[in-house]
Amino acid sequence: MDSSAQPIRRIASNLLWTPGGIVRNPLLTLAPDGWVVAVGSCSDPDRLAATEFYAGLLVPDFPADYRTAFERLCRDSATPLPELLAQTVTPGGVLVVISGLDYESMRLTSRSQIRRL
């Protein structure tokens, strides 16, 4: 085994945003450089060793200036988040998790937060 090889990172969450729609119970596999290399589904992520879990909505390719982009989304919180994300996500961006959503309407709330992963 090559001791210099970095481990692959696995991240699970409640939801994943994709251009094709919302995926429930996603399990992402990330390369050492942070790029998503595989997307699967897992209803019991706590049973998978070395899997991180983040409550909320995972969003790959979010703009690198994620805090500024998130502030813009918050200003338009009346619009459903999937619509806002379709206008915001850019190839080559970063992976973030957005928490504190109204899951029924898929809108941001005053409790919503963003975190880069």
PDB file of N, CA and C in Angstrom:
ATOM      1  N   MET A   1       0.851  -1.185   0.000  1.00  0.00           N
ATOM      2  CA  MET A   1       0.000   0.000   0.000  1.00  0.00           C
ATOM      3  C   MET A   1       0.883   1.230   0.000  1.00  0.00           C
ATOM      4  N   ASP A   2       0.519   2.217  -0.774  1.00  0.00           N
ATOM      5  CA  ASP A   2       1.259   3.469  -0.874  1.00  0.00           C
ATOM      6  C   ASP A   2       0.854   4.368   0.289  1.00  0.00           C
ATOM      7  N   SER A   3       1.778   4.643   1.196  1.00  0.00           N
ATOM      8  CA  SER A   3       1.444   5.440   2.376  1.00  0.00           C
ATOM      9  C   SER A   3       1.200   6.900   2.050  1.00  0.00           C
ATOM     10  N   SER A   4       1.552   7.340   0.832  1.00  0.00           N
ATOM     11  CA  SER A   4       1.317   8.735   0.458  1.00  0.00           C
ATOM     12  C   SER A   4      -0.061   8.941  -0.159  1.00  0.00           C
ATOM     13  N   ALA A   5      -0.758   7.850  -0.458  1.00  0.00           N
ATOM     14  CA  ALA A   5      -2.090   7.959  -1.057  1.00  0.00           C
ATOM     15  C   ALA A   5      -3.073   8.512  -0.040  1.00  0.00           C
ATOM     16  N   GLN A   6      -3.848   9.483  -0.490  1.00  0.00           N
ATOM     17  CA  GLN A   6      -4.846  10.068   0.397  1.00  0.00           C
ATOM     18  C   GLN A   6      -6.120   9.227   0.346  1.00  0.00           C
ATOM     19  N   PRO A   7      -6.803   9.102   1.462  1.00  0.00           N
ATOM     20  CA  PRO A   7      -8.033   8.316   1.461  1.00  0.00           C
ATOM     21  C   PRO A   7      -9.145   9.027   0.696  1.00  0.00           C
ATOM     22  N   ILE A   8     -10.040   8.242   0.171  1.00  0.00           N
ATOM     23  CA  ILE A   8     -11.221   8.792  -0.484  1.00  0.00           C
ATOM     24  C   ILE A   8     -12.184   9.225   0.603  1.00  0.00           C
ATOM     25  N   ARG A   9     -12.878  10.313   0.388  1.00  0.00           N
ATOM     26  CA  ARG A   9     -13.816  10.861   1.376  1.00  0.00           C
ATOM     27  C   ARG A   9     -15.236  10.519   0.936  1.00  0.00           C
ATOM     28  N   ARG A  10     -16.049  10.071   1.893  1.00  0.00           N
ATOM     29  CA  ARG A  10     -17.461   9.798   1.624  1.00  0.00           C
ATOM     30  C   ARG A  10     -18.299  10.730   2.482  1.00  0.00           C
ATOM     31  N   ILE A  11     -19.287  11.346   1.843  1.00  0.00           N
ATOM     32  CA  ILE A  11     -20.164  12.295   2.529  1.00  0.00           C
ATOM     33  C   ILE A  11     -21.611  11.928   2.235  1.00  0.00           C
ATOM     34  N   ALA A  12     -22.407  11.842   3.295  1.00  0.00           N
ATOM     35  CA  ALA A  12     -23.838  11.569   3.173  1.00  0.00           C
ATOM     36  C   ALA A  12     -24.612  12.771   3.701  1.00  0.00           C
ATOM     37  N   SER A  13     -25.855  12.880   3.266  1.00  0.00           N
ATOM     38  CA  SER A  13     -26.712  13.977   3.705  1.00  0.00           C
ATOM     39  C   SER A  13     -28.171  13.584   3.510  1.00  0.00           C
ATOM     40  N   ASN A  14     -29.050  14.522   3.862  1.00  0.00           N
ATOM     41  CA  ASN A  14     -30.481  14.291   3.649  1.00  0.00           C
ATOM     42  C   ASN A  14     -30.845  14.409   2.178  1.00  0.00           C
ATOM     43  N   LEU A  15     -30.271  15.442   1.527  1.00  0.00           N
ATOM     44  CA  LEU A  15     -30.634  15.752   0.146  1.00  0.00           C
ATOM     45  C   LEU A  15     -29.407  16.197  -0.642  1.00  0.00           C
ATOM     46  N   LEU A  16     -29.492  16.039  -1.965  1.00  0.00           N
ATOM     47  CA  LEU A  16     -28.467  16.506  -2.895  1.00  0.00           C
ATOM     48  C   LEU A  16     -29.163  17.245  -4.019  1.00  0.00           C
ATOM     49  N   TRP A  17     -28.672  18.450  -4.334  1.00  0.00           N
ATOM     50  CA  TRP A  17     -29.204  19.179  -5.481  1.00  0.00           C
ATOM     51  C   TRP A  17     -28.440  18.771  -6.723  1.00  0.00           C
ATOM     52  N   THR A  18     -29.180  18.454  -7.790  1.00  0.00           N
ATOM     53  CA  THR A  18     -28.586  18.202  -9.102  1.00  0.00           C
ATOM     54  C   THR A  18     -29.414  18.971 -10.126  1.00  0.00           C
ATOM     55  N   PRO A  19     -28.866  19.261 -11.294  1.00  0.00           N
ATOM     56  CA  PRO A  19     -29.668  19.938 -12.322  1.00  0.00           C
ATOM     57  C   PRO A  19     -30.924  19.155 -12.701  1.00  0.00           C
ATOM     58  N   GLY A  20     -30.886  17.841 -12.489  1.00  0.00           N
ATOM     59  CA  GLY A  20     -32.039  16.999 -12.816  1.00  0.00           C
ATOM     60  C   GLY A  20     -33.061  16.873 -11.710  1.00  0.00           C
ATOM     61  N   GLY A  21     -32.766  17.444 -10.536  1.00  0.00           N
ATOM     62  CA  GLY A  21     -33.698  17.379  -9.415  1.00  0.00           C
ATOM     63  C   GLY A  21     -33.005  17.033  -8.115  1.00  0.00           C
ATOM     64  N   ILE A  22     -33.801  16.926  -7.083  1.00  0.00           N
ATOM     65  CA  ILE A  22     -33.303  16.636  -5.737  1.00  0.00           C
ATOM     66  C   ILE A  22     -33.173  15.125  -5.551  1.00  0.00           C
ATOM     67  N   VAL A  23     -32.041  14.688  -4.995  1.00  0.00           N
ATOM     68  CA  VAL A  23     -31.798  13.286  -4.689  1.00  0.00           C
ATOM     69  C   VAL A  23     -31.876  13.120  -3.176  1.00  0.00           C
ATOM     70  N   ARG A  24     -32.636  12.145  -2.728  1.00  0.00           N
ATOM     71  CA  ARG A  24     -32.763  11.872  -1.297  1.00  0.00           C
ATOM     72  C   ARG A  24     -31.700  10.862  -0.848  1.00  0.00           C
ATOM     73  N   ASN A  25     -31.245  11.023   0.388  1.00  0.00           N
ATOM     74  CA  ASN A  25     -30.263  10.122   0.999  1.00  0.00           C
ATOM     75  C   ASN A  25     -29.011   9.923   0.138  1.00  0.00           C
ATOM     76  N   PRO A  26     -28.401  11.015  -0.322  1.00  0.00           N
ATOM     77  CA  PRO A  26     -27.233  10.864  -1.183  1.00  0.00           C
ATOM     78  C   PRO A  26     -25.995  10.410  -0.420  1.00  0.00           C
ATOM     79  N   LEU A  27     -25.136   9.720  -1.141  1.00  0.00           N
ATOM     80  CA  LEU A  27     -23.818   9.338  -0.647  1.00  0.00           C
ATOM     81  C   LEU A  27     -22.832   9.717  -1.742  1.00  0.00           C
ATOM     82  N   LEU A  28     -21.993  10.722  -1.457  1.00  0.00           N
ATOM     83  CA  LEU A  28     -21.011  11.191  -2.425  1.00  0.00           C
ATOM     84  C   LEU A  28     -19.650  10.606  -2.098  1.00  0.00           C
ATOM     85  N   THR A  29     -18.934  10.236  -3.123  1.00  0.00           N
ATOM     86  CA  THR A  29     -17.546   9.830  -2.978  1.00  0.00           C
ATOM     87  C   THR A  29     -16.707  10.923  -3.620  1.00  0.00           C
ATOM     88  N   LEU A  30     -15.756  11.461  -2.830  1.00  0.00           N
ATOM     89  CA  LEU A  30     -14.921  12.551  -3.308  1.00  0.00           C
ATOM     90  C   LEU A  30     -13.500  12.076  -3.519  1.00  0.00           C
ATOM     91  N   ALA A  31     -12.881  12.564  -4.581  1.00  0.00           N
ATOM     92  CA  ALA A  31     -11.461  12.318  -4.829  1.00  0.00           C
ATOM     93  C   ALA A  31     -10.658  13.145  -3.827  1.00  0.00           C
ATOM     94  N   PRO A  32      -9.379  12.864  -3.669  1.00  0.00           N
ATOM     95  CA  PRO A  32      -8.555  13.639  -2.733  1.00  0.00           C
ATOM     96  C   PRO A  32      -8.568  15.144  -3.005  1.00  0.00           C
ATOM     97  N   ASP A  33      -8.793  15.546  -4.263  1.00  0.00           N
ATOM     98  CA  ASP A  33      -8.830  16.978  -4.582  1.00  0.00           C
ATOM     99  C   ASP A  33     -10.204  17.605  -4.328  1.00  0.00           C
ATOM    100  N   GLY A  34     -11.171  16.816  -3.841  1.00  0.00           N
ATOM    101  CA  GLY A  34     -12.492  17.339  -3.504  1.00  0.00           C
ATOM    102  C   GLY A  34     -13.541  17.197  -4.589  1.00  0.00           C
ATOM    103  N   TRP A  35     -13.169  16.711  -5.755  1.00  0.00           N
ATOM    104  CA  TRP A  35     -14.141  16.539  -6.834  1.00  0.00           C
ATOM    105  C   TRP A  35     -15.030  15.340  -6.558  1.00  0.00           C
ATOM    106  N   VAL A  36     -16.307  15.461  -6.889  1.00  0.00           N
ATOM    107  CA  VAL A  36     -17.252  14.358  -6.735  1.00  0.00           C
ATOM    108  C   VAL A  36     -16.974  13.351  -7.842  1.00  0.00           C
ATOM    109  N   VAL A  37     -16.652  12.119  -7.449  1.00  0.00           N
ATOM    110  CA  VAL A  37     -16.365  11.072  -8.431  1.00  0.00           C
ATOM    111  C   VAL A  37     -17.483  10.043  -8.536  1.00  0.00           C
ATOM    112  N   ALA A  38     -18.361   9.997  -7.534  1.00  0.00           N
ATOM    113  CA  ALA A  38     -19.481   9.058  -7.589  1.00  0.00           C
ATOM    114  C   ALA A  38     -20.617   9.575  -6.711  1.00  0.00           C
ATOM    115  N   VAL A  39     -21.836   9.307  -7.168  1.00  0.00           N
ATOM    116  CA  VAL A  39     -23.033   9.654  -6.408  1.00  0.00           C
ATOM    117  C   VAL A  39     -23.864   8.393  -6.276  1.00  0.00           C
ATOM    118  N   GLY A  40     -24.178   8.069  -5.042  1.00  0.00           N
ATOM    119  CA  GLY A  40     -25.013   6.912  -4.776  1.00  0.00           C
ATOM    120  C   GLY A  40     -26.099   7.299  -3.790  1.00  0.00           C
ATOM    121  N   SER A  41     -26.748   6.311  -3.255  1.00  0.00           N
ATOM    122  CA  SER A  41     -27.793   6.539  -2.279  1.00  0.00           C
ATOM    123  C   SER A  41     -27.577   5.591  -1.105  1.00  0.00           C
ATOM    124  N   CYS A  42     -27.838   6.089   0.092  1.00  0.00           N
ATOM    125  CA  CYS A  42     -27.644   5.271   1.285  1.00  0.00           C
ATOM    126  C   CYS A  42     -28.612   5.740   2.361  1.00  0.00           C
ATOM    127  N   SER A  43     -29.526   4.875   2.745  1.00  0.00           N
ATOM    128  CA  SER A  43     -30.509   5.258   3.758  1.00  0.00           C
ATOM    129  C   SER A  43     -29.977   5.138   5.179  1.00  0.00           C
ATOM    130  N   ASP A  44     -28.861   4.423   5.367  1.00  0.00           N
ATOM    131  CA  ASP A  44     -28.272   4.240   6.697  1.00  0.00           C
ATOM    132  C   ASP A  44     -26.790   4.621   6.704  1.00  0.00           C
ATOM    133  N   PRO A  45     -26.459   5.903   6.500  1.00  0.00           N
ATOM    134  CA  PRO A  45     -25.039   6.282   6.425  1.00  0.00           C
ATOM    135  C   PRO A  45     -24.280   6.060   7.726  1.00  0.00           C
ATOM    136  N   ASP A  46     -24.996   6.015   8.840  1.00  0.00           N
ATOM    137  CA  ASP A  46     -24.320   5.792  10.122  1.00  0.00           C
ATOM    138  C   ASP A  46     -23.757   4.375  10.230  1.00  0.00           C
ATOM    139  N   ARG A  47     -24.146   3.503   9.328  1.00  0.00           N
ATOM    140  CA  ARG A  47     -23.645   2.125   9.335  1.00  0.00           C
ATOM    141  C   ARG A  47     -22.432   1.937   8.425  1.00  0.00           C
ATOM    142  N   LEU A  48     -22.036   3.010   7.734  1.00  0.00           N
ATOM    143  CA  LEU A  48     -20.874   2.936   6.852  1.00  0.00           C
ATOM    144  C   LEU A  48     -19.669   3.552   7.550  1.00  0.00           C
ATOM    145  N   ALA A  49     -18.625   2.773   7.695  1.00  0.00           N
ATOM    146  CA  ALA A  49     -17.408   3.290   8.327  1.00  0.00           C
ATOM    147  C   ALA A  49     -16.832   4.441   7.501  1.00  0.00           C
ATOM    148  N   ALA A  50     -16.259   5.401   8.193  1.00  0.00           N
ATOM    149  CA  ALA A  50     -15.557   6.528   7.561  1.00  0.00           C
ATOM    150  C   ALA A  50     -16.455   7.338   6.628  1.00  0.00           C
ATOM    151  N   THR A  51     -17.707   7.505   7.008  1.00  0.00           N
ATOM    152  CA  THR A  51     -18.638   8.313   6.227  1.00  0.00           C
ATOM    153  C   THR A  51     -19.072   9.503   7.069  1.00  0.00           C
ATOM    154  N   GLU A  52     -18.882  10.688   6.515  1.00  0.00           N
ATOM    155  CA  GLU A  52     -19.304  11.913   7.197  1.00  0.00           C
ATOM    156  C   GLU A  52     -20.765  12.170   6.861  1.00  0.00           C
ATOM    157  N   PHE A  53     -21.518  12.692   7.833  1.00  0.00           N
ATOM    158  CA  PHE A  53     -22.923  13.034   7.578  1.00  0.00           C
ATOM    159  C   PHE A  53     -23.130  14.501   7.895  1.00  0.00           C
ATOM    160  N   TYR A  54     -23.784  15.206   6.974  1.00  0.00           N
ATOM    161  CA  TYR A  54     -24.127  16.613   7.166  1.00  0.00           C
ATOM    162  C   TYR A  54     -25.619  16.777   6.903  1.00  0.00           C
ATOM    163  N   ALA A  55     -26.340  17.278   7.896  1.00  0.00           N
ATOM    164  CA  ALA A  55     -27.775  17.496   7.734  1.00  0.00           C
ATOM    165  C   ALA A  55     -27.988  18.677   6.800  1.00  0.00           C
ATOM    166  N   GLY A  56     -28.878  18.498   5.833  1.00  0.00           N
ATOM    167  CA  GLY A  56     -29.203  19.586   4.921  1.00  0.00           C
ATOM    168  C   GLY A  56     -29.151  19.144   3.475  1.00  0.00           C
ATOM    169  N   LEU A  57     -28.849  20.118   2.628  1.00  0.00           N
ATOM    170  CA  LEU A  57     -28.839  19.937   1.175  1.00  0.00           C
ATOM    171  C   LEU A  57     -27.419  20.117   0.665  1.00  0.00           C
ATOM    172  N   LEU A  58     -26.838  19.054   0.109  1.00  0.00           N
ATOM    173  CA  LEU A  58     -25.522  19.149  -0.512  1.00  0.00           C
ATOM    174  C   LEU A  58     -25.661  19.803  -1.878  1.00  0.00           C
ATOM    175  N   VAL A  59     -24.734  20.708  -2.190  1.00  0.00           N
ATOM    176  CA  VAL A  59     -24.757  21.386  -3.489  1.00  0.00           C
ATOM    177  C   VAL A  59     -23.343  21.387  -4.069  1.00  0.00           C
ATOM    178  N   PRO A  60     -23.076  20.529  -5.049  1.00  0.00           N
ATOM    179  CA  PRO A  60     -21.778  20.582  -5.727  1.00  0.00           C
ATOM    180  C   PRO A  60     -21.740  21.775  -6.686  1.00  0.00           C
ATOM    181  N   ASP A  61     -20.547  22.247  -6.986  1.00  0.00           N
ATOM    182  CA  ASP A  61     -20.329  23.317  -7.965  1.00  0.00           C
ATOM    183  C   ASP A  61     -20.961  24.645  -7.576  1.00  0.00           C
ATOM    184  N   PHE A  62     -21.074  24.888  -6.272  1.00  0.00           N
ATOM    185  CA  PHE A  62     -21.534  26.183  -5.792  1.00  0.00           C
ATOM    186  C   PHE A  62     -20.403  27.180  -6.055  1.00  0.00           C
ATOM    187  N   PRO A  63     -20.696  28.454  -6.333  1.00  0.00           N
ATOM    188  CA  PRO A  63     -19.621  29.406  -6.611  1.00  0.00           C
ATOM    189  C   PRO A  63     -18.570  29.426  -5.495  1.00  0.00           C
ATOM    190  N   ALA A  64     -17.314  29.576  -5.900  1.00  0.00           N
ATOM    191  CA  ALA A  64     -16.207  29.574  -4.939  1.00  0.00           C
ATOM    192  C   ALA A  64     -16.365  30.671  -3.899  1.00  0.00           C
ATOM    193  N   ASP A  65     -16.933  31.794  -4.275  1.00  0.00           N
ATOM    194  CA  ASP A  65     -17.232  32.872  -3.321  1.00  0.00           C
ATOM    195  C   ASP A  65     -18.593  32.554  -2.704  1.00  0.00           C
ATOM    196  N   TYR A  66     -18.644  31.416  -1.995  1.00  0.00           N
ATOM    197  CA  TYR A  66     -19.917  30.839  -1.568  1.00  0.00           C
ATOM    198  C   TYR A  66     -20.695  31.703  -0.583  1.00  0.00           C
ATOM    199  N   ARG A  67     -20.015  32.449   0.266  1.00  0.00           N
ATOM    200  CA  ARG A  67     -20.739  33.291   1.232  1.00  0.00           C
ATOM    201  C   ARG A  67     -21.498  34.414   0.523  1.00  0.00           C
ATOM    202  N   THR A  68     -20.857  35.051  -0.437  1.00  0.00           N
ATOM    203  CA  THR A  68     -21.518  36.119  -1.199  1.00  0.00           C
ATOM    204  C   THR A  68     -22.680  35.558  -1.997  1.00  0.00           C
ATOM    205  N   ALA A  69     -22.468  34.407  -2.630  1.00  0.00           N
ATOM    206  CA  ALA A  69     -23.547  33.788  -3.409  1.00  0.00           C
ATOM    207  C   ALA A  69     -24.708  33.397  -2.503  1.00  0.00           C
ATOM    208  N   PHE A  70     -24.402  32.888  -1.313  1.00  0.00           N
ATOM    209  CA  PHE A  70     -25.451  32.513  -0.363  1.00  0.00           C
ATOM    210  C   PHE A  70     -26.239  33.742   0.095  1.00  0.00           C
ATOM    211  N   GLU A  71     -25.568  34.847   0.334  1.00  0.00           N
ATOM    212  CA  GLU A  71     -26.267  36.080   0.711  1.00  0.00           C
ATOM    213  C   GLU A  71     -27.253  36.504  -0.375  1.00  0.00           C
ATOM    214  N   ARG A  72     -26.860  36.349  -1.643  1.00  0.00           N
ATOM    215  CA  ARG A  72     -27.780  36.676  -2.742  1.00  0.00           C
ATOM    216  C   ARG A  72     -28.997  35.753  -2.707  1.00  0.00           C
ATOM    217  N   LEU A  73     -28.770  34.465  -2.442  1.00  0.00           N
ATOM    218  CA  LEU A  73     -29.886  33.521  -2.356  1.00  0.00           C
ATOM    219  C   LEU A  73     -30.827  33.909  -1.221  1.00  0.00           C
ATOM    220  N   CYS A  74     -30.266  34.293  -0.093  1.00  0.00           N
ATOM    221  CA  CYS A  74     -31.079  34.662   1.073  1.00  0.00           C
ATOM    222  C   CYS A  74     -31.960  35.878   0.783  1.00  0.00           C
ATOM    223  N   ARG A  75     -31.465  36.792  -0.027  1.00  0.00           N
ATOM    224  CA  ARG A  75     -32.266  37.982  -0.369  1.00  0.00           C
ATOM    225  C   ARG A  75     -33.483  37.621  -1.215  1.00  0.00           C
ATOM    226  N   ASP A  76     -33.452  36.471  -1.857  1.00  0.00           N
ATOM    227  CA  ASP A  76     -34.561  36.030  -2.697  1.00  0.00           C
ATOM    228  C   ASP A  76     -35.174  34.751  -2.125  1.00  0.00           C
ATOM    229  N   SER A  77     -35.311  34.701  -0.801  1.00  0.00           N
ATOM    230  CA  SER A  77     -35.753  33.476  -0.132  1.00  0.00           C
ATOM    231  C   SER A  77     -37.208  33.097  -0.433  1.00  0.00           C
ATOM    232  N   ALA A  78     -37.966  33.973  -1.074  1.00  0.00           N
ATOM    233  CA  ALA A  78     -39.342  33.633  -1.441  1.00  0.00           C
ATOM    234  C   ALA A  78     -39.377  32.661  -2.621  1.00  0.00           C
ATOM    235  N   THR A  79     -38.294  32.598  -3.368  1.00  0.00           N
ATOM    236  CA  THR A  79     -38.206  31.702  -4.521  1.00  0.00           C
ATOM    237  C   THR A  79     -37.727  30.334  -4.046  1.00  0.00           C
ATOM    238  N   PRO A  80     -38.320  29.242  -4.550  1.00  0.00           N
ATOM    239  CA  PRO A  80     -37.855  27.908  -4.155  1.00  0.00           C
ATOM    240  C   PRO A  80     -36.360  27.731  -4.445  1.00  0.00           C
ATOM    241  N   LEU A  81     -35.671  27.113  -3.518  1.00  0.00           N
ATOM    242  CA  LEU A  81     -34.223  26.954  -3.613  1.00  0.00           C
ATOM    243  C   LEU A  81     -33.774  26.224  -4.887  1.00  0.00           C
ATOM    244  N   PRO A  82     -34.462  25.173  -5.333  1.00  0.00           N
ATOM    245  CA  PRO A  82     -34.009  24.532  -6.579  1.00  0.00           C
ATOM    246  C   PRO A  82     -33.947  25.507  -7.761  1.00  0.00           C
ATOM    247  N   GLU A  83     -34.885  26.438  -7.849  1.00  0.00           N
ATOM    248  CA  GLU A  83     -34.860  27.442  -8.923  1.00  0.00           C
ATOM    249  C   GLU A  83     -33.668  28.376  -8.769  1.00  0.00           C
ATOM    250  N   LEU A  84     -33.423  28.812  -7.534  1.00  0.00           N
ATOM    251  CA  LEU A  84     -32.296  29.705  -7.281  1.00  0.00           C
ATOM    252  C   LEU A  84     -30.971  29.011  -7.603  1.00  0.00           C
ATOM    253  N   LEU A  85     -30.862  27.741  -7.214  1.00  0.00           N
ATOM    254  CA  LEU A  85     -29.615  27.020  -7.444  1.00  0.00           C
ATOM    255  C   LEU A  85     -29.357  26.808  -8.932  1.00  0.00           C
ATOM    256  N   ALA A  86     -30.399  26.590  -9.705  1.00  0.00           N
ATOM    257  CA  ALA A  86     -30.233  26.412 -11.151  1.00  0.00           C
ATOM    258  C   ALA A  86     -29.588  27.646 -11.782  1.00  0.00           C
ATOM    259  N   GLN A  87     -29.815  28.810 -11.195  1.00  0.00           N
ATOM    260  CA  GLN A  87     -29.244  30.060 -11.696  1.00  0.00           C
ATOM    261  C   GLN A  87     -27.885  30.367 -11.074  1.00  0.00           C
ATOM    262  N   THR A  88     -27.503  29.653 -10.023  1.00  0.00           N
ATOM    263  CA  THR A  88     -26.319  29.984  -9.229  1.00  0.00           C
ATOM    264  C   THR A  88     -25.151  29.031  -9.427  1.00  0.00           C
ATOM    265  N   VAL A  89     -25.440  27.751  -9.561  1.00  0.00           N
ATOM    266  CA  VAL A  89     -24.394  26.733  -9.644  1.00  0.00           C
ATOM    267  C   VAL A  89     -23.550  26.937 -10.902  1.00  0.00           C
ATOM    268  N   THR A  90     -22.224  26.793 -10.738  1.00  0.00           N
ATOM    269  CA  THR A  90     -21.300  26.979 -11.854  1.00  0.00           C
ATOM    270  C   THR A  90     -20.294  25.836 -11.878  1.00  0.00           C
ATOM    271  N   PRO A  91     -19.998  25.289 -13.050  1.00  0.00           N
ATOM    272  CA  PRO A  91     -19.001  24.219 -13.127  1.00  0.00           C
ATOM    273  C   PRO A  91     -17.673  24.688 -12.519  1.00  0.00           C
ATOM    274  N   GLY A  92     -17.041  23.778 -11.805  1.00  0.00           N
ATOM    275  CA  GLY A  92     -15.759  24.101 -11.192  1.00  0.00           C
ATOM    276  C   GLY A  92     -15.877  24.775  -9.847  1.00  0.00           C
ATOM    277  N   GLY A  93     -17.097  24.848  -9.312  1.00  0.00           N
ATOM    278  CA  GLY A  93     -17.307  25.467  -8.004  1.00  0.00           C
ATOM    279  C   GLY A  93     -16.930  24.529  -6.872  1.00  0.00           C
ATOM    280  N   VAL A  94     -17.444  24.823  -5.695  1.00  0.00           N
ATOM    281  CA  VAL A  94     -17.101  24.058  -4.492  1.00  0.00           C
ATOM    282  C   VAL A  94     -18.325  23.299  -3.982  1.00  0.00           C
ATOM    283  N   LEU A  95     -18.065  22.313  -3.138  1.00  0.00           N
ATOM    284  CA  LEU A  95     -19.139  21.534  -2.521  1.00  0.00           C
ATOM    285  C   LEU A  95     -19.540  22.213  -1.216  1.00  0.00           C
ATOM    286  N   VAL A  96     -20.834  22.486  -1.053  1.00  0.00           N
ATOM    287  CA  VAL A  96     -21.344  23.089   0.175  1.00  0.00           C
ATOM    288  C   VAL A  96     -22.530  22.288   0.677  1.00  0.00           C
ATOM    289  N   VAL A  97     -22.875  22.527   1.936  1.00  0.00           N
ATOM    290  CA  VAL A  97     -24.113  22.005   2.491  1.00  0.00           C
ATOM    291  C   VAL A  97     -24.896  23.204   3.007  1.00  0.00           C
ATOM    292  N   ILE A  98     -26.164  23.259   2.665  1.00  0.00           N
ATOM    293  CA  ILE A  98     -27.065  24.320   3.130  1.00  0.00           C
ATOM    294  C   ILE A  98     -28.032  23.677   4.111  1.00  0.00           C
ATOM    295  N   SER A  99     -28.065  24.207   5.326  1.00  0.00           N
ATOM    296  CA  SER A  99     -28.934  23.662   6.368  1.00  0.00           C
ATOM    297  C   SER A  99     -29.947  24.716   6.802  1.00  0.00           C
ATOM    298  N   GLY A 100     -30.902  24.292   7.625  1.00  0.00           N
ATOM    299  CA  GLY A 100     -31.921  25.209   8.125  1.00  0.00           C
ATOM    300  C   GLY A 100     -32.969  25.571   7.093  1.00  0.00           C
ATOM    301  N   LEU A 101     -33.273  24.645   6.205  1.00  0.00           N
ATOM    302  CA  LEU A 101     -34.261  24.884   5.150  1.00  0.00           C
ATOM    303  C   LEU A 101     -35.672  24.593   5.629  1.00  0.00           C
ATOM    304  N   ASP A 102     -36.636  25.151   4.926  1.00  0.00           N
ATOM    305  CA  ASP A 102     -38.015  24.703   5.040  1.00  0.00           C
ATOM    306  C   ASP A 102     -38.118  23.579   4.016  1.00  0.00           C
ATOM    307  N   TYR A 103     -38.078  22.338   4.474  1.00  0.00           N
ATOM    308  CA  TYR A 103     -38.014  21.200   3.555  1.00  0.00           C
ATOM    309  C   TYR A 103     -39.314  20.984   2.782  1.00  0.00           C
ATOM    310  N   GLU A 104     -40.420  21.419   3.340  1.00  0.00           N
ATOM    311  CA  GLU A 104     -41.685  21.242   2.636  1.00  0.00           C
ATOM    312  C   GLU A 104     -41.756  22.125   1.392  1.00  0.00           C
ATOM    313  N   SER A 105     -41.373  23.392   1.537  1.00  0.00           N
ATOM    314  CA  SER A 105     -41.426  24.313   0.400  1.00  0.00           C
ATOM    315  C   SER A 105     -40.088  24.434  -0.323  1.00  0.00           C
ATOM    316  N   MET A 106     -39.040  23.831   0.234  1.00  0.00           N
ATOM    317  CA  MET A 106     -37.674  23.925  -0.303  1.00  0.00           C
ATOM    318  C   MET A 106     -37.248  25.390  -0.479  1.00  0.00           C
ATOM    319  N   ARG A 107     -37.447  26.146   0.622  1.00  0.00           N
ATOM    320  CA  ARG A 107     -37.031  27.550   0.631  1.00  0.00           C
ATOM    321  C   ARG A 107     -36.069  27.781   1.784  1.00  0.00           C
ATOM    322  N   LEU A 108     -35.251  28.810   1.632  1.00  0.00           N
ATOM    323  CA  LEU A 108     -34.372  29.229   2.719  1.00  0.00           C
ATOM    324  C   LEU A 108     -35.205  29.873   3.814  1.00  0.00           C
ATOM    325  N   THR A 109     -34.711  29.822   5.043  1.00  0.00           N
ATOM    326  CA  THR A 109     -35.375  30.453   6.179  1.00  0.00           C
ATOM    327  C   THR A 109     -34.378  31.385   6.859  1.00  0.00           C
ATOM    328  N   SER A 110     -34.830  32.055   7.883  1.00  0.00           N
ATOM    329  CA  SER A 110     -33.928  32.927   8.645  1.00  0.00           C
ATOM    330  C   SER A 110     -32.863  32.122   9.389  1.00  0.00           C
ATOM    331  N   ARG A 111     -33.069  30.823   9.534  1.00  0.00           N
ATOM    332  CA  ARG A 111     -32.104  29.937  10.205  1.00  0.00           C
ATOM    333  C   ARG A 111     -31.134  29.267   9.235  1.00  0.00           C
ATOM    334  N   SER A 112     -31.302  29.486   7.962  1.00  0.00           N
ATOM    335  CA  SER A 112     -30.469  28.812   6.962  1.00  0.00           C
ATOM    336  C   SER A 112     -29.015  29.239   7.083  1.00  0.00           C
ATOM    337  N   GLN A 113     -28.136  28.254   6.878  1.00  0.00           N
ATOM    338  CA  GLN A 113     -26.697  28.481   6.933  1.00  0.00           C
ATOM    339  C   GLN A 113     -26.034  27.703   5.806  1.00  0.00           C
ATOM    340  N   ILE A 114     -24.812  28.119   5.488  1.00  0.00           N
ATOM    341  CA  ILE A 114     -24.034  27.417   4.457  1.00  0.00           C
ATOM    342  C   ILE A 114     -22.678  27.055   5.039  1.00  0.00           C
ATOM    343  N   ARG A 115     -22.164  25.920   4.581  1.00  0.00           N
ATOM    344  CA  ARG A 115     -20.836  25.478   5.024  1.00  0.00           C
ATOM    345  C   ARG A 115     -20.127  24.825   3.850  1.00  0.00           C
ATOM    346  N   ARG A 116     -18.904  25.234   3.625  1.00  0.00           N
ATOM    347  CA  ARG A 116     -18.101  24.593   2.574  1.00  0.00           C
ATOM    348  C   ARG A 116     -17.547  23.280   3.124  1.00  0.00           C
ATOM    349  N   LEU A 117     -17.582  22.247   2.299  1.00  0.00           N
ATOM    350  CA  LEU A 117     -17.087  20.936   2.732  1.00  0.00           C
ATOM    351  C   LEU A 117     -15.756  20.616   2.072  1.00  0.00           C
TER     352      LEU A 117
END
